[in-house]
Protein backbone atom coordinates (compact mmCIF):
# COMPACT_ATOMS: atom_id res chain seq x y z
CA MET A 1 -33.50 7.35 34.88
CA ALA A 2 -34.94 10.51 33.72
CA GLU A 3 -34.43 11.31 29.90
CA THR A 4 -32.22 14.43 29.46
CA THR A 5 -32.64 17.11 26.50
CA GLU A 6 -29.12 18.50 27.23
CA PRO A 7 -26.80 17.57 24.09
CA ARG A 8 -23.61 15.52 24.97
CA LEU A 9 -20.50 17.68 24.61
CA MET A 10 -17.86 16.12 22.16
CA VAL A 11 -14.35 17.06 21.41
CA GLY A 12 -12.13 16.05 18.44
CA ALA A 13 -8.51 16.18 17.72
CA LEU A 14 -7.32 16.75 14.34
CA ILE A 15 -3.99 15.78 14.74
CA ARG A 16 -1.07 17.28 12.38
CA ASP A 17 2.12 15.77 11.76
CA PRO A 18 5.35 17.66 10.44
CA TYR A 19 4.10 17.39 6.84
CA ASP A 20 0.55 18.44 7.66
CA ARG A 21 -1.11 15.44 7.16
CA ILE A 22 -4.06 14.70 9.63
CA PHE A 23 -4.35 11.38 11.82
CA VAL A 24 -7.53 9.12 11.20
CA GLN A 25 -8.15 5.86 12.67
CA ARG A 26 -10.66 3.15 11.58
CA ARG A 27 -13.60 2.24 14.05
CA SER A 28 -13.83 -1.51 14.89
CA ALA A 29 -16.33 -3.47 13.15
CA GLY A 30 -18.14 -4.09 16.66
CA ARG A 31 -18.53 -0.68 17.43
CA ARG A 32 -22.06 0.50 18.10
CA LEU A 33 -21.72 4.09 16.26
CA PHE A 34 -20.03 4.47 12.97
CA PRO A 35 -18.61 1.04 12.30
CA GLU A 36 -15.66 0.35 10.23
CA CYS A 37 -15.79 4.29 9.24
CA TRP A 38 -12.80 6.30 9.64
CA ASP A 39 -12.64 8.62 12.86
CA ILE A 40 -10.32 11.28 14.43
CA VAL A 41 -9.30 11.18 17.99
CA GLY A 42 -11.78 12.30 20.34
CA GLY A 43 -15.01 11.72 22.30
CA ALA A 44 -17.28 12.77 25.10
CA VAL A 45 -16.35 15.70 27.44
CA GLU A 46 -16.68 13.98 30.91
CA GLU A 47 -18.38 15.71 33.81
CA GLY A 48 -16.59 18.40 35.68
CA GLU A 49 -13.83 18.23 32.43
CA SER A 50 -12.97 21.03 30.20
CA LEU A 51 -12.91 20.91 26.49
CA LEU A 52 -9.02 21.13 26.58
CA ASP A 53 -8.96 18.48 29.57
CA ALA A 54 -11.02 16.05 27.47
CA LEU A 55 -8.61 16.66 24.10
CA HIS A 56 -5.64 15.81 26.75
CA ARG A 57 -7.36 12.48 27.80
CA GLU A 58 -8.96 11.28 24.56
CA THR A 59 -5.25 12.16 22.69
CA ALA A 60 -3.61 10.02 25.46
CA GLU A 61 -6.15 7.24 25.50
CA GLU A 62 -6.50 6.80 21.76
CA THR A 63 -2.80 7.34 20.64
CA GLY A 64 -0.48 7.27 23.70
CA TRP A 65 0.48 10.60 22.34
CA ARG A 66 0.78 14.10 24.66
CA LEU A 67 -1.18 16.92 23.63
CA ARG A 68 1.39 19.61 22.93
CA ARG A 69 -0.63 22.67 21.83
CA VAL A 70 -3.94 23.48 20.28
CA LEU A 71 -3.70 25.42 16.96
CA ALA A 72 -7.47 26.29 16.16
CA ARG A 73 -10.97 25.27 15.90
CA VAL A 74 -12.08 24.31 12.82
CA ALA A 75 -15.35 22.73 13.26
CA HIS A 76 -18.31 23.11 15.94
CA LYS A 77 -21.45 21.29 14.47
CA GLU A 78 -24.28 19.55 16.33
CA TRP A 79 -25.48 15.92 15.04
CA THR A 80 -27.87 13.23 16.51
CA ALA A 81 -27.21 9.62 16.73
CA ASN A 82 -29.40 6.95 18.43
CA GLY A 83 -31.71 9.52 19.13
CA LEU A 84 -28.84 11.70 21.26
CA ARG A 85 -27.94 15.22 20.42
CA HIS A 86 -24.08 15.81 20.41
CA ILE A 87 -22.19 19.28 20.08
CA GLU A 88 -18.74 18.35 18.56
CA SER A 89 -15.92 20.71 18.51
CA ASP A 90 -12.88 19.95 16.23
CA TYR A 91 -9.54 21.29 16.98
CA VAL A 92 -6.07 21.38 14.85
CA VAL A 93 -3.51 20.30 17.42
CA GLU A 94 0.15 18.91 17.83
CA VAL A 95 1.12 16.16 19.85
CA ASP A 96 4.28 14.69 21.41
CA GLY A 97 5.27 11.15 20.93
CA ASP A 98 6.51 8.60 18.37
CA LEU A 99 3.74 9.36 15.15
CA SER A 100 4.87 6.32 13.48
CA SER A 101 3.51 4.13 16.04
CA PRO A 102 0.38 5.41 17.84
CA GLU A 103 -0.93 3.19 20.89
CA LEU A 104 -4.49 2.50 19.29
CA GLU A 105 -7.37 0.82 21.45
CA ARG A 106 -7.42 -2.46 19.54
CA ASP A 107 -10.91 -3.12 20.70
CA LYS A 108 -11.77 0.06 19.60
CA HIS A 109 -9.72 0.92 16.22
CA THR A 110 -7.96 -1.49 13.83
CA GLU A 111 -5.67 0.68 11.98
CA PHE A 112 -4.54 4.29 11.21
CA ALA A 113 -3.62 6.46 8.47
CA TRP A 114 -2.14 10.20 7.82
CA ILE A 115 -4.07 11.76 5.45
CA ALA A 116 -2.76 14.84 3.03
CA ALA A 117 -4.59 17.38 1.61
CA GLY A 118 -5.01 15.56 -1.42
CA GLU A 119 -5.64 12.18 -0.18
CA THR A 120 -9.20 12.49 1.31
CA LEU A 121 -10.92 9.91 -1.20
CA LEU A 122 -9.72 7.56 1.17
CA LEU A 123 -12.33 9.02 3.85
CA ASP A 124 -15.56 8.28 1.15
CA GLU A 125 -15.47 5.04 2.55
CA ASN A 126 -17.49 6.48 5.10
CA THR A 127 -20.12 7.84 2.77
CA GLN A 128 -20.83 4.49 1.69
CA ARG A 129 -20.62 3.14 5.32
CA SER A 130 -22.47 5.74 7.15
CA GLY A 131 -24.07 7.81 4.66
CA SER A 132 -22.15 10.85 6.31
CA THR A 133 -19.10 12.98 5.03
CA PHE A 134 -18.58 14.65 8.44
CA ILE A 135 -14.91 13.20 8.99
CA LYS A 136 -14.02 14.00 5.44
CA ASP A 137 -15.52 17.63 5.54
CA ILE A 138 -13.69 18.51 9.18
CA VAL A 139 -10.09 16.49 7.75
CA THR A 140 -10.51 19.17 4.32
CA ALA A 141 -11.20 22.05 7.23
CA ALA A 142 -8.23 21.06 9.06
CA HIS A 143 -6.00 20.76 5.88
CA LEU A 144 -7.79 24.26 4.49
CA TRP A 145 -6.76 26.29 7.77
CA LEU A 146 -3.07 24.65 7.91
CA THR A 147 -2.74 25.96 4.16
CA ASP A 148 -4.15 29.57 4.83
CA ASP A 149 -1.26 32.05 5.01
CA SER A 150 -3.37 34.26 6.74
CA ARG A 151 -4.08 32.47 10.03
CA LYS A 152 -2.97 32.84 13.41
CA THR A 153 -1.40 30.33 15.44
CA ARG A 154 -3.03 30.86 18.47
CA SER A 155 -5.23 28.47 20.81
CA SER A 156 -8.94 28.89 20.41
CA LEU A 157 -10.33 27.03 23.05
C-alpha cells in the first residue's frame, strides 16, 4: 500500500447541554491513541462524507443522540499522531436525546462528564497522560464562545 501525505480529516462535536456544559468522555485503556484521556465526540471523516455528515454519524455512534444543529466552529487545528497528519475541525453543537444517559461505546469509552466553564481542571488529567492540552483548550474555546454576547447563532460548516 502506497504511503499518502494527505492529512486525515477529523471532526469533533462539543455537545452543549441547556446549562452550557460540554460533554466529554474518557477513552478506554485499550485505545491506541490517547488511552484513558478525556475526549470529545468525534472521529475521522469517511470517504465521500461531508463534515456535517461525519458529525451526525459520530454523534449517533458515540452517544446515541441525534445532532440537532451546529452552532459554531471553535477550533481548526492540524496535529500529528503516530506519524499521520490530521486536520481537525471542532464544532459547538446541540443534540436531541436523553442527555443524562448517553449510549457510550463501552469498548472505546468508559465514563462521561459534563464540564461547566469553571470545571475544566478535570481535563488536566490529559496533560499528565498524553502531554497535550488540546481537549482542555477546545472545551475552553467552546465555553468562551457560549458566553460571548456578540456571537451569532448560525452554522459555520
